[in-house]
Structure formats: structure tokens, C-alpha cells
């Protein structure tokens, strides 16, 4: 899915590149998964890449998919770093 997102000229202002497709509840487990078919990379490169998730609440995860539960209401920016 692709969503319209705002832009800014401020270098340290984080903007979302995507948006959640639903509304989630506090203490509800959420499944996160990278759509590897949307990545313009060969399968071998994806397999050799370490994906590190920052869920925006101080918790981190690793891999192509993760489950996470937010314990407080709010808006969170989930960031994913790829390291080979």
C-alpha cells in the first residue's frame, strides 16, 4: 500500500513513509511484517540482511516479521534499519 504523506524542510523532523491500515488497542498484539516482494532486491541479499525494528516506545525487534504490544496509547513511529 502507498499513502500520501506530508513533507517538511526540517532535517530532524521524522515523517511517516506509510500509515497503519487500522486502529489498534493498547495491550493488543500487533503483527509487523516486511513485504519482501516490494523490495527491489534479490532474495539472497534479503536473506543476508539484518532487519532491526525500533517500535518507537523503547522496544526493538529483529527479522522480517515481529509481534509487538504497545502498553500506552499514542502515536508511534516504527523505524526499520537494514544492515548487511
Protein backbone atom coordinates (compact mmCIF):
# COMPACT_ATOMS: atom_id res chain seq x y z
CA UNK A 1 0.00 0.00 0.00
CA UNK A 2 1.16 3.52 -0.71
CA UNK A 3 -0.15 6.52 1.19
CA UNK A 4 0.19 10.26 0.75
CA UNK A 5 2.46 11.69 3.41
CA UNK A 6 3.39 15.29 4.18
CA UNK A 7 6.84 16.70 3.56
CA UNK A 8 8.98 19.09 5.56
CA UNK A 9 12.20 21.04 5.10
CA UNK A 10 13.26 20.38 8.70
CA UNK A 11 16.12 17.84 8.66
CA UNK A 12 15.38 16.38 12.11
CA UNK A 13 11.59 16.12 11.83
CA UNK A 14 10.54 12.48 11.38
CA UNK A 15 7.78 11.89 8.86
CA UNK A 16 5.96 8.61 8.24
CA UNK A 17 6.55 6.82 4.97
CA UNK A 18 3.48 4.67 5.43
CA UNK A 19 0.42 4.59 7.67
CA UNK A 20 -1.28 1.87 9.68
CA UNK A 21 -4.21 0.27 7.93
CA UNK A 22 -6.29 0.16 11.09
CA UNK A 23 -6.74 1.34 14.62
CA UNK A 24 -5.10 -0.75 17.31
CA UNK A 25 -5.81 -1.03 21.01
CA UNK A 26 -3.43 -0.71 23.94
CA UNK A 27 -2.23 -4.14 25.11
CA UNK A 28 -3.27 -5.69 21.77
CA UNK A 29 -0.54 -7.67 20.00
CA UNK A 30 0.22 -6.32 16.53
CA UNK A 31 1.90 -8.32 13.75
CA UNK A 32 4.52 -6.45 11.72
CA UNK A 33 5.96 -7.89 8.50
CA UNK A 34 8.15 -6.60 5.69
CA UNK A 35 6.68 -7.34 2.27
CA UNK A 36 9.79 -8.77 0.61
CA UNK A 37 8.06 -8.80 -2.79
CA UNK A 38 8.01 -4.99 -2.63
CA UNK A 39 11.77 -4.79 -2.01
CA UNK A 40 13.81 -4.24 -5.18
CA UNK A 41 16.46 -6.75 -4.04
CA UNK A 42 17.39 -10.33 -4.90
CA UNK A 43 16.23 -12.96 -2.40
CA UNK A 44 19.84 -13.78 -1.46
CA UNK A 45 20.51 -10.17 -0.40
CA UNK A 46 17.32 -10.13 1.69
CA UNK A 47 18.37 -13.38 3.42
CA UNK A 48 21.80 -11.91 4.26
CA UNK A 49 20.37 -8.64 5.58
CA UNK A 50 19.71 -7.99 9.27
CA UNK A 51 16.48 -6.02 9.78
CA UNK A 52 16.31 -4.11 13.10
CA UNK A 53 12.95 -2.69 14.18
CA UNK A 54 12.54 0.31 16.51
CA UNK A 55 8.91 0.34 17.65
CA UNK A 56 9.07 3.92 18.88
CA UNK A 57 8.40 3.07 22.51
CA UNK A 58 11.89 1.98 23.52
CA UNK A 59 11.45 -1.62 22.37
CA UNK A 60 13.31 -3.19 19.45
CA UNK A 61 12.97 -6.35 17.38
CA UNK A 62 14.84 -8.13 14.63
CA UNK A 63 13.95 -10.05 11.48
CA UNK A 64 11.48 -9.80 8.61
CA UNK A 65 8.50 -10.04 10.95
CA UNK A 66 7.76 -9.19 14.57
CA UNK A 67 4.93 -9.08 17.06
CA UNK A 68 4.71 -6.10 19.38
CA UNK A 69 2.33 -4.79 22.03
CA UNK A 70 2.07 -1.11 22.96
CA UNK A 71 1.34 -0.54 26.65
CA UNK A 72 0.36 3.14 26.42
CA UNK A 73 -1.92 4.98 24.00
CA UNK A 74 -0.25 7.28 21.50
CA UNK A 75 1.15 7.70 18.02
CA UNK A 76 4.30 5.72 17.34
CA UNK A 77 6.84 5.87 14.51
CA UNK A 78 8.17 2.41 13.68
CA UNK A 79 11.60 2.56 12.04
CA UNK A 80 13.41 -0.33 10.34
CA UNK A 81 17.16 -0.36 9.72
CA UNK A 82 18.71 -2.78 7.26
CA UNK A 83 22.27 -3.88 7.97
CA UNK A 84 24.25 -6.29 5.81
